[in-house]
Amino acid sequence: MGPHLAAHQDVNAIDLTGADAELARDLEIAAADNLKRVLRPRTEDFAESPGTDRMTAFLETKTVWHPTGSLGASGSSY
């Protein structure tokens, strides 16, 4: 993985597990240009229990409101 991937506008997040300190620092700087999510876990954390923490660090919850119609004095139109 190189700095061009970390700086690419179509990449939303990057996991730096296993990257050495110098490479991780360079990738974090490149990712900061477009506010990319970056996960840089400690090696011992990942070795003990990979779990879902790595995945949930990149999840984003969005809500969408859909109007259901007229909710006036005549009642709702569900």
C-alpha atoms as a PDB file:
ATOM      1  CA  MET A   1       0.000   0.000   0.000  1.00  0.00           C
ATOM      2  CA  GLY A   2       1.389   3.360  -0.913  1.00  0.00           C
ATOM      3  CA  PRO A   3       0.656   6.991  -0.164  1.00  0.00           C
ATOM      4  CA  HIS A   4      -1.317   7.320  -3.434  1.00  0.00           C
ATOM      5  CA  LEU A   5      -3.903   4.817  -2.122  1.00  0.00           C
ATOM      6  CA  ALA A   6      -4.153   6.669   1.180  1.00  0.00           C
ATOM      7  CA  ALA A   7      -4.597   9.980  -0.647  1.00  0.00           C
ATOM      8  CA  HIS A   8      -7.052   8.650  -3.271  1.00  0.00           C
ATOM      9  CA  GLN A   9     -10.400  10.454  -3.091  1.00  0.00           C
ATOM     10  CA  ASP A  10     -12.458   7.293  -3.718  1.00  0.00           C
ATOM     11  CA  VAL A  11     -10.941   5.367  -0.780  1.00  0.00           C
ATOM     12  CA  ASN A  12     -12.934   6.074   2.379  1.00  0.00           C
ATOM     13  CA  ALA A  13     -10.820   4.374   5.040  1.00  0.00           C
ATOM     14  CA  ILE A  14      -7.493   2.673   5.572  1.00  0.00           C
ATOM     15  CA  ASP A  15      -6.362   0.007   8.038  1.00  0.00           C
ATOM     16  CA  LEU A  16      -2.693   0.310   8.977  1.00  0.00           C
ATOM     17  CA  THR A  17      -2.382  -3.020  10.786  1.00  0.00           C
ATOM     18  CA  GLY A  18       1.107  -4.361  10.238  1.00  0.00           C
ATOM     19  CA  ALA A  19       2.581  -1.157   8.806  1.00  0.00           C
ATOM     20  CA  ASP A  20       5.863  -0.013  10.334  1.00  0.00           C
ATOM     21  CA  ALA A  21       5.879   3.309  12.194  1.00  0.00           C
ATOM     22  CA  GLU A  22       7.406   5.389   9.384  1.00  0.00           C
ATOM     23  CA  LEU A  23       5.062   4.036   6.688  1.00  0.00           C
ATOM     24  CA  ALA A  24       2.047   4.419   8.985  1.00  0.00           C
ATOM     25  CA  ARG A  25       2.957   8.050   9.668  1.00  0.00           C
ATOM     26  CA  ASP A  26       3.296   8.796   5.933  1.00  0.00           C
ATOM     27  CA  LEU A  27      -0.047   7.120   5.192  1.00  0.00           C
ATOM     28  CA  GLU A  28      -1.792   9.012   7.995  1.00  0.00           C
ATOM     29  CA  ILE A  29      -0.517  12.295   6.565  1.00  0.00           C
ATOM     30  CA  ALA A  30      -1.696  11.354   3.060  1.00  0.00           C
ATOM     31  CA  ALA A  31      -5.100  10.257   4.403  1.00  0.00           C
ATOM     32  CA  ALA A  32      -5.580  13.501   6.332  1.00  0.00           C
ATOM     33  CA  ASP A  33      -5.780  15.452   3.084  1.00  0.00           C
ATOM     34  CA  ASN A  34      -9.315  14.172   2.438  1.00  0.00           C
ATOM     35  CA  LEU A  35     -10.384  13.328   6.018  1.00  0.00           C
ATOM     36  CA  LYS A  36     -10.156   9.580   5.527  1.00  0.00           C
ATOM     37  CA  ARG A  37     -10.804   7.253   8.484  1.00  0.00           C
ATOM     38  CA  VAL A  38      -7.546   5.686   9.632  1.00  0.00           C
ATOM     39  CA  LEU A  39      -7.176   2.747  12.002  1.00  0.00           C
ATOM     40  CA  ARG A  40      -3.722   2.209  13.473  1.00  0.00           C
ATOM     41  CA  PRO A  41      -4.102  -0.545  16.072  1.00  0.00           C
ATOM     42  CA  ARG A  42      -1.305  -1.641  18.314  1.00  0.00           C
ATOM     43  CA  THR A  43       0.119  -4.956  17.127  1.00  0.00           C
ATOM     44  CA  GLU A  44      -0.494  -6.645  20.467  1.00  0.00           C
ATOM     45  CA  ASP A  45      -4.188  -5.622  20.395  1.00  0.00           C
ATOM     46  CA  PHE A  46      -4.752  -7.343  17.072  1.00  0.00           C
ATOM     47  CA  ALA A  47      -2.758 -10.442  17.974  1.00  0.00           C
ATOM     48  CA  GLU A  48      -4.820 -11.034  21.133  1.00  0.00           C
ATOM     49  CA  SER A  49      -8.311 -10.715  19.691  1.00  0.00           C
ATOM     50  CA  PRO A  50      -9.025  -9.488  16.159  1.00  0.00           C
ATOM     51  CA  GLY A  51     -12.791  -9.416  16.866  1.00  0.00           C
ATOM     52  CA  THR A  52     -15.025  -6.910  15.097  1.00  0.00           C
ATOM     53  CA  ASP A  53     -13.374  -3.767  16.483  1.00  0.00           C
ATOM     54  CA  ARG A  54     -11.345  -3.295  13.304  1.00  0.00           C
ATOM     55  CA  MET A  55     -14.490  -3.463  11.191  1.00  0.00           C
ATOM     56  CA  THR A  56     -16.647  -1.231  13.397  1.00  0.00           C
ATOM     57  CA  ALA A  57     -13.988   1.476  13.336  1.00  0.00           C
ATOM     58  CA  PHE A  58     -14.913   2.035   9.676  1.00  0.00           C
ATOM     59  CA  LEU A  59     -18.707   1.837   9.930  1.00  0.00           C
ATOM     60  CA  GLU A  60     -20.798   4.936   9.509  1.00  0.00           C
ATOM     61  CA  THR A  61     -24.456   5.150  10.399  1.00  0.00           C
ATOM     62  CA  LYS A  62     -26.617   7.390   8.290  1.00  0.00           C
ATOM     63  CA  THR A  63     -30.270   8.111   8.804  1.00  0.00           C
ATOM     64  CA  VAL A  64     -32.736   9.097   6.140  1.00  0.00           C
ATOM     65  CA  TRP A  65     -36.086  10.670   6.836  1.00  0.00           C
ATOM     66  CA  HIS A  66     -38.861   9.768   4.408  1.00  0.00           C
ATOM     67  CA  PRO A  67     -42.015  11.821   4.663  1.00  0.00           C
ATOM     68  CA  THR A  68     -45.077   9.559   4.761  1.00  0.00           C
ATOM     69  CA  GLY A  69     -47.515  12.017   3.338  1.00  0.00           C
ATOM     70  CA  SER A  70     -49.877  14.599   4.732  1.00  0.00           C
ATOM     71  CA  LEU A  71     -50.057  14.585   8.522  1.00  0.00           C
ATOM     72  CA  GLY A  72     -52.626  17.344   8.908  1.00  0.00           C
ATOM     73  CA  ALA A  73     -55.805  17.694  10.969  1.00  0.00           C
ATOM     74  CA  SER A  74     -57.586  15.099   8.861  1.00  0.00           C
ATOM     75  CA  GLY A  75     -55.326  12.352  10.212  1.00  0.00           C
ATOM     76  CA  SER A  76     -52.308  10.560   8.961  1.00  0.00           C
ATOM     77  CA  SER A  77     -51.992   8.739   5.681  1.00  0.00           C
ATOM     78  CA  TYR A  78     -49.841   5.786   6.612  1.00  0.00           C
END
